[in-house]
C-alpha cells in the first residue's frame, strides 16, 4: 500500500502525510519533515499534528543538524535506542 502512495503523481508530501495518518496501522509512525525552504505559516499549520517535528536545515551547520535529528529519533523511539 505504501508503494501505491509513493507512486501517485498527484500526491504531494502533505497529501502523503495526511494519508499516512488516516490509516490506523500507520498512524503512530513518527514523521520528521526536513526542508531547506522557508515554510509558510499555512504550510506549518497543515503539518501541525501530523508530524513529530519540522526542522529547517537552512542556517544550521551539518553537525547541529545531525544532533537535532539524533535527538528527534531518540524522542520517537525511546531511551536506549541508538541513532
N, C-alpha and C. Protein backbone atom coordinates (compact mmCIF):
# COMPACT_ATOMS: atom_id res chain seq x y z
N UNK A 1 0.80 -1.19 0.00
CA UNK A 1 0.00 0.00 0.00
C UNK A 1 0.84 1.26 0.00
N UNK A 2 1.96 1.22 0.73
CA UNK A 2 2.86 2.37 0.75
C UNK A 2 3.39 2.63 -0.66
N UNK A 3 3.64 1.57 -1.41
CA UNK A 3 4.12 1.73 -2.79
C UNK A 3 3.09 2.50 -3.61
N UNK A 4 1.82 2.23 -3.40
CA UNK A 4 0.76 2.94 -4.11
C UNK A 4 0.80 4.42 -3.77
N UNK A 5 1.00 4.75 -2.51
CA UNK A 5 1.07 6.15 -2.10
C UNK A 5 2.27 6.84 -2.75
N UNK A 6 3.41 6.17 -2.77
CA UNK A 6 4.63 6.77 -3.32
C UNK A 6 4.53 6.98 -4.83
N UNK A 7 3.80 6.12 -5.53
CA UNK A 7 3.76 6.19 -6.98
C UNK A 7 2.64 7.07 -7.52
N UNK A 8 1.84 7.68 -6.66
CA UNK A 8 0.75 8.54 -7.09
C UNK A 8 1.30 9.91 -7.49
N UNK A 9 1.28 10.25 -8.78
CA UNK A 9 1.86 11.52 -9.22
C UNK A 9 1.09 12.74 -8.74
N UNK A 10 -0.15 12.57 -8.30
CA UNK A 10 -0.97 13.68 -7.83
C UNK A 10 -0.77 13.95 -6.34
N UNK A 11 -0.05 13.08 -5.66
CA UNK A 11 0.09 13.16 -4.21
C UNK A 11 1.38 13.87 -3.85
N UNK A 12 1.26 15.03 -3.17
CA UNK A 12 2.45 15.74 -2.71
C UNK A 12 2.78 15.27 -1.29
N UNK A 13 3.81 15.87 -0.69
CA UNK A 13 4.22 15.47 0.65
C UNK A 13 3.13 15.66 1.69
N UNK A 14 2.37 16.74 1.56
CA UNK A 14 1.28 16.99 2.50
C UNK A 14 0.22 15.90 2.39
N UNK A 15 -0.14 15.56 1.17
CA UNK A 15 -1.14 14.51 0.96
C UNK A 15 -0.65 13.16 1.46
N UNK A 16 0.65 12.90 1.26
CA UNK A 16 1.22 11.64 1.73
C UNK A 16 1.09 11.52 3.25
N UNK A 17 1.46 12.60 3.95
CA UNK A 17 1.38 12.57 5.42
C UNK A 17 -0.07 12.43 5.88
N UNK A 18 -0.98 13.15 5.24
CA UNK A 18 -2.40 13.05 5.61
C UNK A 18 -2.91 11.63 5.41
N UNK A 19 -2.55 11.01 4.29
CA UNK A 19 -2.97 9.64 4.03
C UNK A 19 -2.34 8.67 5.03
N UNK A 20 -1.09 8.88 5.35
CA UNK A 20 -0.39 8.06 6.34
C UNK A 20 -1.13 8.09 7.67
N UNK A 21 -1.58 9.25 8.08
CA UNK A 21 -2.27 9.40 9.36
C UNK A 21 -3.69 8.86 9.35
N UNK A 22 -4.28 8.71 8.18
CA UNK A 22 -5.64 8.16 8.08
C UNK A 22 -5.68 6.66 8.35
N UNK A 23 -4.58 6.00 8.14
CA UNK A 23 -4.53 4.54 8.27
C UNK A 23 -4.11 4.17 9.69
N UNK A 24 -4.95 3.42 10.38
CA UNK A 24 -4.68 3.06 11.77
C UNK A 24 -3.32 2.41 11.95
N UNK A 25 -2.96 1.50 11.05
CA UNK A 25 -1.70 0.76 11.20
C UNK A 25 -0.47 1.64 11.00
N UNK A 26 -0.63 2.81 10.41
CA UNK A 26 0.50 3.72 10.18
C UNK A 26 0.40 5.01 10.99
N UNK A 27 -0.66 5.17 11.74
CA UNK A 27 -0.94 6.46 12.39
C UNK A 27 0.08 6.85 13.46
N UNK A 28 0.80 5.91 14.01
CA UNK A 28 1.76 6.20 15.08
C UNK A 28 3.20 6.32 14.58
N UNK A 29 3.42 6.19 13.29
CA UNK A 29 4.78 6.30 12.75
C UNK A 29 5.24 7.74 12.89
N UNK A 30 6.37 7.97 13.57
CA UNK A 30 6.88 9.34 13.70
C UNK A 30 7.31 9.89 12.33
N UNK A 31 6.96 11.12 12.06
CA UNK A 31 7.32 11.76 10.80
C UNK A 31 8.08 13.04 11.10
N UNK A 32 9.25 13.17 10.50
CA UNK A 32 10.04 14.39 10.59
C UNK A 32 10.17 14.93 9.18
N UNK A 33 9.78 16.17 8.99
CA UNK A 33 9.91 16.82 7.69
C UNK A 33 11.14 17.71 7.76
N UNK A 34 12.11 17.42 6.93
CA UNK A 34 13.35 18.21 6.89
C UNK A 34 13.36 18.97 5.57
N UNK A 35 13.48 20.27 5.67
CA UNK A 35 13.40 21.08 4.47
C UNK A 35 14.44 22.19 4.48
N UNK A 36 14.84 22.59 3.30
CA UNK A 36 15.76 23.72 3.15
C UNK A 36 14.99 25.00 2.83
N UNK A 37 13.72 24.86 2.49
CA UNK A 37 12.94 26.03 2.12
C UNK A 37 12.24 26.61 3.34
N UNK A 38 11.90 27.87 3.23
CA UNK A 38 11.11 28.51 4.28
C UNK A 38 9.68 28.00 4.17
N UNK A 39 9.13 27.58 5.29
CA UNK A 39 7.77 27.06 5.30
C UNK A 39 6.83 28.19 5.71
N UNK A 40 5.79 28.36 4.94
CA UNK A 40 4.81 29.41 5.25
C UNK A 40 4.04 29.01 6.51
N UNK A 41 3.40 29.98 7.10
CA UNK A 41 2.60 29.68 8.30
C UNK A 41 1.45 28.75 7.94
N UNK A 42 0.90 28.86 6.73
CA UNK A 42 -0.15 27.94 6.29
C UNK A 42 0.37 26.51 6.18
N UNK A 43 1.57 26.35 5.59
CA UNK A 43 2.17 25.02 5.47
C UNK A 43 2.48 24.45 6.85
N UNK A 44 3.02 25.27 7.73
CA UNK A 44 3.33 24.81 9.09
C UNK A 44 2.06 24.37 9.81
N UNK A 45 0.98 25.12 9.63
CA UNK A 45 -0.32 24.75 10.24
C UNK A 45 -0.82 23.42 9.69
N UNK A 46 -0.63 23.22 8.39
CA UNK A 46 -1.05 21.95 7.77
C UNK A 46 -0.29 20.77 8.34
N UNK A 47 0.98 20.98 8.67
CA UNK A 47 1.81 19.90 9.19
C UNK A 47 1.59 19.65 10.68
N UNK A 48 1.14 20.66 11.40
CA UNK A 48 0.97 20.55 12.84
C UNK A 48 0.00 19.42 13.17
N UNK A 49 0.39 18.59 14.07
CA UNK A 49 -0.43 17.45 14.45
C UNK A 49 -0.16 16.21 13.62
N UNK A 50 0.42 16.38 12.44
CA UNK A 50 0.73 15.24 11.59
C UNK A 50 2.19 14.82 11.69
N UNK A 51 3.04 15.71 12.17
CA UNK A 51 4.48 15.43 12.20
C UNK A 51 5.03 15.55 13.61
N UNK A 52 6.15 14.89 13.84
CA UNK A 52 6.84 14.98 15.12
C UNK A 52 7.64 16.27 15.19
N UNK A 53 8.17 16.71 14.06
CA UNK A 53 8.98 17.93 14.02
C UNK A 53 9.14 18.39 12.58
N UNK A 54 9.45 19.68 12.44
CA UNK A 54 9.73 20.25 11.13
C UNK A 54 10.98 21.12 11.25
N UNK A 55 12.16 20.48 11.39
CA UNK A 55 13.39 21.28 11.46
C UNK A 55 13.72 21.87 10.10
N UNK A 56 14.29 23.04 10.11
CA UNK A 56 14.71 23.69 8.86
C UNK A 56 16.23 23.68 8.84
N UNK A 57 16.80 23.10 7.80
CA UNK A 57 18.25 22.97 7.76
C UNK A 57 18.96 24.26 7.37
N UNK A 58 18.23 25.20 6.81
CA UNK A 58 18.82 26.47 6.41
C UNK A 58 19.44 27.17 7.61
N UNK A 59 20.72 27.49 7.50
CA UNK A 59 21.40 28.21 8.57
C UNK A 59 22.01 27.33 9.64
N UNK A 60 21.75 26.03 9.61
CA UNK A 60 22.33 25.12 10.60
C UNK A 60 23.59 24.48 10.04
N UNK A 61 24.55 24.28 10.91
CA UNK A 61 25.74 23.54 10.49
C UNK A 61 25.35 22.07 10.35
N UNK A 62 26.10 21.32 9.55
CA UNK A 62 25.80 19.89 9.43
C UNK A 62 25.81 19.18 10.79
N UNK A 63 26.76 19.53 11.66
CA UNK A 63 26.83 18.88 12.98
C UNK A 63 25.59 19.19 13.81
N UNK A 64 25.13 20.43 13.78
CA UNK A 64 23.93 20.81 14.54
C UNK A 64 22.71 20.08 14.01
N UNK A 65 22.63 19.96 12.69
CA UNK A 65 21.51 19.26 12.08
C UNK A 65 21.51 17.78 12.46
N UNK A 66 22.68 17.16 12.44
CA UNK A 66 22.80 15.75 12.83
C UNK A 66 22.39 15.57 14.29
N UNK A 67 22.84 16.47 15.17
CA UNK A 67 22.45 16.38 16.59
C UNK A 67 20.93 16.49 16.74
N UNK A 68 20.33 17.44 16.03
CA UNK A 68 18.88 17.61 16.12
C UNK A 68 18.14 16.37 15.63
N UNK A 69 18.60 15.79 14.52
CA UNK A 69 17.96 14.59 14.00
C UNK A 69 18.12 13.41 14.96
N UNK A 70 19.31 13.26 15.57
CA UNK A 70 19.51 12.19 16.57
C UNK A 70 18.57 12.37 17.75
N UNK A 71 18.45 13.62 18.22
CA UNK A 71 17.54 13.90 19.34
C UNK A 71 16.10 13.53 18.99
N UNK A 72 15.67 13.88 17.79
CA UNK A 72 14.31 13.57 17.36
C UNK A 72 14.09 12.06 17.26
N UNK A 73 15.07 11.35 16.75
CA UNK A 73 14.96 9.89 16.64
C UNK A 73 14.87 9.27 18.04
N UNK A 74 15.69 9.74 18.96
CA UNK A 74 15.65 9.21 20.32
C UNK A 74 14.32 9.53 21.01
N UNK A 75 13.77 10.71 20.76
CA UNK A 75 12.48 11.05 21.33
C UNK A 75 11.39 10.11 20.80
N UNK A 76 11.48 9.80 19.50
CA UNK A 76 10.47 8.96 18.87
C UNK A 76 10.58 7.49 19.24
N UNK A 77 11.80 7.03 19.50
CA UNK A 77 12.00 5.60 19.74
C UNK A 77 12.17 5.24 21.20
N UNK A 78 12.43 6.23 22.02
CA UNK A 78 12.61 5.98 23.45
C UNK A 78 14.07 5.82 23.83
N UNK A 79 14.33 5.79 25.14
CA UNK A 79 15.70 5.67 25.60
C UNK A 79 16.31 4.32 25.26
N UNK A 80 17.62 4.33 25.09
CA UNK A 80 18.33 3.08 24.84
C UNK A 80 18.44 2.71 23.38
N UNK A 81 17.80 3.45 22.49
CA UNK A 81 17.89 3.17 21.07
C UNK A 81 18.90 4.11 20.47
N UNK A 82 19.88 3.58 19.78
CA UNK A 82 20.94 4.40 19.21
C UNK A 82 20.61 4.77 17.78
N UNK A 83 20.87 6.04 17.46
CA UNK A 83 20.59 6.51 16.09
C UNK A 83 21.86 6.50 15.27
